C-alpha atoms as a PDB file:
ATOM      1  CA  MET A   1     128.216 106.037  78.384  1.00  0.00           C
ATOM      2  CA  GLU A   2     125.462 107.674  80.441  1.00  0.00           C
ATOM      3  CA  GLN A   3     126.283 108.140  84.100  1.00  0.00           C
ATOM      4  CA  ALA A   4     124.328 105.852  86.413  1.00  0.00           C
ATOM      5  CA  ARG A   5     121.176 107.436  87.813  1.00  0.00           C
ATOM      6  CA  THR A   6     121.047 107.802  91.584  1.00  0.00           C
ATOM      7  CA  ALA A   7     118.536 107.166  94.338  1.00  0.00           C
ATOM      8  CA  GLU A   8     118.481 110.915  94.964  1.00  0.00           C
ATOM      9  CA  GLU A   9     117.505 111.613  91.349  1.00  0.00           C
ATOM     10  CA  ALA A  10     114.660 109.096  91.566  1.00  0.00           C
ATOM     11  CA  ALA A  11     113.520 110.656  94.856  1.00  0.00           C
ATOM     12  CA  LYS A  12     113.610 114.131  93.298  1.00  0.00           C
ATOM     13  CA  TRP A  13     111.390 112.903  90.484  1.00  0.00           C
ATOM     14  CA  MET A  14     108.971 111.458  93.089  1.00  0.00           C
ATOM     15  CA  PHE A  15     108.917 114.749  94.991  1.00  0.00           C
ATOM     16  CA  ASP A  16     108.386 116.844  91.856  1.00  0.00           C
ATOM     17  CA  ARG A  17     105.621 114.527  90.621  1.00  0.00           C
ATOM     18  CA  MET A  18     103.816 114.614  93.955  1.00  0.00           C
ATOM     19  CA  ARG A  19     104.200 118.391  94.164  1.00  0.00           C
ATOM     20  CA  ASP A  20     102.664 118.789  90.708  1.00  0.00           C
ATOM     21  CA  ALA A  21      99.896 116.174  91.052  1.00  0.00           C
ATOM     22  CA  GLY A  22      99.147 116.403  94.786  1.00  0.00           C
ATOM     23  CA  VAL A  23      99.500 112.641  95.205  1.00  0.00           C
ATOM     24  CA  LEU A  24     101.884 109.965  93.968  1.00  0.00           C
ATOM     25  CA  TYR A  25     100.657 106.419  93.432  1.00  0.00           C
ATOM     26  CA  GLN A  26     103.172 103.676  94.057  1.00  0.00           C
ATOM     27  CA  GLU A  27     102.285 101.890  90.812  1.00  0.00           C
ATOM     28  CA  GLU A  28     103.122 105.017  88.800  1.00  0.00           C
ATOM     29  CA  ALA A  29     106.312 105.648  90.777  1.00  0.00           C
ATOM     30  CA  VAL A  30     107.544 102.062  90.417  1.00  0.00           C
ATOM     31  CA  ALA A  31     106.914 102.043  86.655  1.00  0.00           C
ATOM     32  CA  HIS A  32     108.648 105.392  86.136  1.00  0.00           C
ATOM     33  CA  ILE A  33     111.613 104.558  88.363  1.00  0.00           C
ATOM     34  CA  ARG A  34     112.076 101.148  86.737  1.00  0.00           C
ATOM     35  CA  GLU A  35     112.038 102.674  83.242  1.00  0.00           C
ATOM     36  CA  HIS A  36     114.105 105.814  83.889  1.00  0.00           C
ATOM     37  CA  TYR A  37     116.369 104.953  86.827  1.00  0.00           C
ATOM     38  CA  GLY A  38     116.815 101.202  86.628  1.00  0.00           C
ATOM     39  CA  GLU A  39     115.653  97.927  88.045  1.00  0.00           C
ATOM     40  CA  ARG A  40     117.997  98.240  91.032  1.00  0.00           C
ATOM     41  CA  PHE A  41     115.658 100.819  92.599  1.00  0.00           C
ATOM     42  CA  VAL A  42     112.585  98.542  92.681  1.00  0.00           C
ATOM     43  CA  PHE A  43     111.782  95.166  94.220  1.00  0.00           C
ATOM     44  CA  VAL A  44     108.844  92.903  95.091  1.00  0.00           C
ATOM     45  CA  ASN A  45     108.018  93.178  98.789  1.00  0.00           C
ATOM     46  CA  GLU A  46     106.853  90.431 101.163  1.00  0.00           C
ATOM     47  CA  ASN A  47     103.214  91.108 100.203  1.00  0.00           C
ATOM     48  CA  GLY A  48     103.973  90.542  96.533  1.00  0.00           C
ATOM     49  CA  HIS A  49     103.701  94.219  95.570  1.00  0.00           C
ATOM     50  CA  ALA A  50     106.257  96.111  93.513  1.00  0.00           C
ATOM     51  CA  SER A  51     107.981  98.576  95.821  1.00  0.00           C
ATOM     52  CA  ILE A  52     110.663 101.245  95.801  1.00  0.00           C
ATOM     53  CA  ASP A  53     114.157 100.771  97.181  1.00  0.00           C
ATOM     54  CA  LYS A  54     114.678 102.025 100.736  1.00  0.00           C
ATOM     55  CA  GLU A  55     117.468 104.417  99.674  1.00  0.00           C
ATOM     56  CA  VAL A  56     115.084 106.140  97.268  1.00  0.00           C
ATOM     57  CA  LYS A  57     112.373 106.332  99.942  1.00  0.00           C
ATOM     58  CA  LYS A  58     114.879 107.708 102.445  1.00  0.00           C
ATOM     59  CA  ALA A  59     115.951 110.442 100.011  1.00  0.00           C
ATOM     60  CA  PHE A  60     112.271 111.149  99.218  1.00  0.00           C
ATOM     61  CA  LYS A  61     111.507 111.560 102.920  1.00  0.00           C
ATOM     62  CA  LYS A  62     114.384 114.051 103.232  1.00  0.00           C
ATOM     63  CA  LEU A  63     112.915 116.071 100.370  1.00  0.00           C
ATOM     64  CA  HIS A  64     109.370 116.214 101.733  1.00  0.00           C
ATOM     65  CA  GLY A  65     110.548 116.724 105.312  1.00  0.00           C
ATOM     66  CA  GLY A  66     107.677 114.808 106.879  1.00  0.00           C
ATOM     67  CA  LYS A  67     105.026 116.753 104.969  1.00  0.00           C
ATOM     68  CA  ALA A  68     103.872 113.690 103.035  1.00  0.00           C
ATOM     69  CA  ALA A  69     102.239 110.530 104.341  1.00  0.00           C
ATOM     70  CA  TRP A  70     101.864 107.044 102.925  1.00  0.00           C
ATOM     71  CA  ASP A  71      98.291 105.739 102.569  1.00  0.00           C
ATOM     72  CA  ARG A  72      98.775 102.018 103.000  1.00  0.00           C
ATOM     73  CA  ASP A  73      95.229 101.171 101.882  1.00  0.00           C
ATOM     74  CA  ALA A  74      95.319 103.098  98.597  1.00  0.00           C
ATOM     75  CA  PHE A  75      99.083 102.751  97.922  1.00  0.00           C
ATOM     76  CA  TYR A  76      99.923 106.409  97.461  1.00  0.00           C
ATOM     77  CA  TRP A  77     101.752 109.306  99.100  1.00  0.00           C
ATOM     78  CA  GLY A  78      99.880 112.529  99.719  1.00  0.00           C
ATOM     79  CA  TRP A  79     100.605 115.849 101.382  1.00  0.00           C
ATOM     80  CA  THR A  80      99.826 116.241 105.056  1.00  0.00           C
ATOM     81  CA  SER A  81     100.051 120.037 104.802  1.00  0.00           C
ATOM     82  CA  ALA A  82     100.421 122.706 102.155  1.00  0.00           C
ATOM     83  CA  ILE A  83     103.806 122.959 100.489  1.00  0.00           C
ATOM     84  CA  LYS A  84     105.154 126.331  99.571  1.00  0.00           C
ATOM     85  CA  GLY A  85     107.675 126.261  96.861  1.00  0.00           C
END
């Protein structure tokens, strides 16, 4: 039996995707996380939008160290400064 995927693994995918693409749209992240990490890491928020579990977002924030910002109008994360890696 495959070991359960973790919030940290989902956050790492988010970080890697944003690093490669420059932005990460919530719709893409929710779909990928739901399919590859499980339904437990997504939910429908009070505005009726699919969202990502707070543990995943907390781990994602640790990874980007405050260098990414959420655009609440366009529903994506983007870099606030250049990332060297």
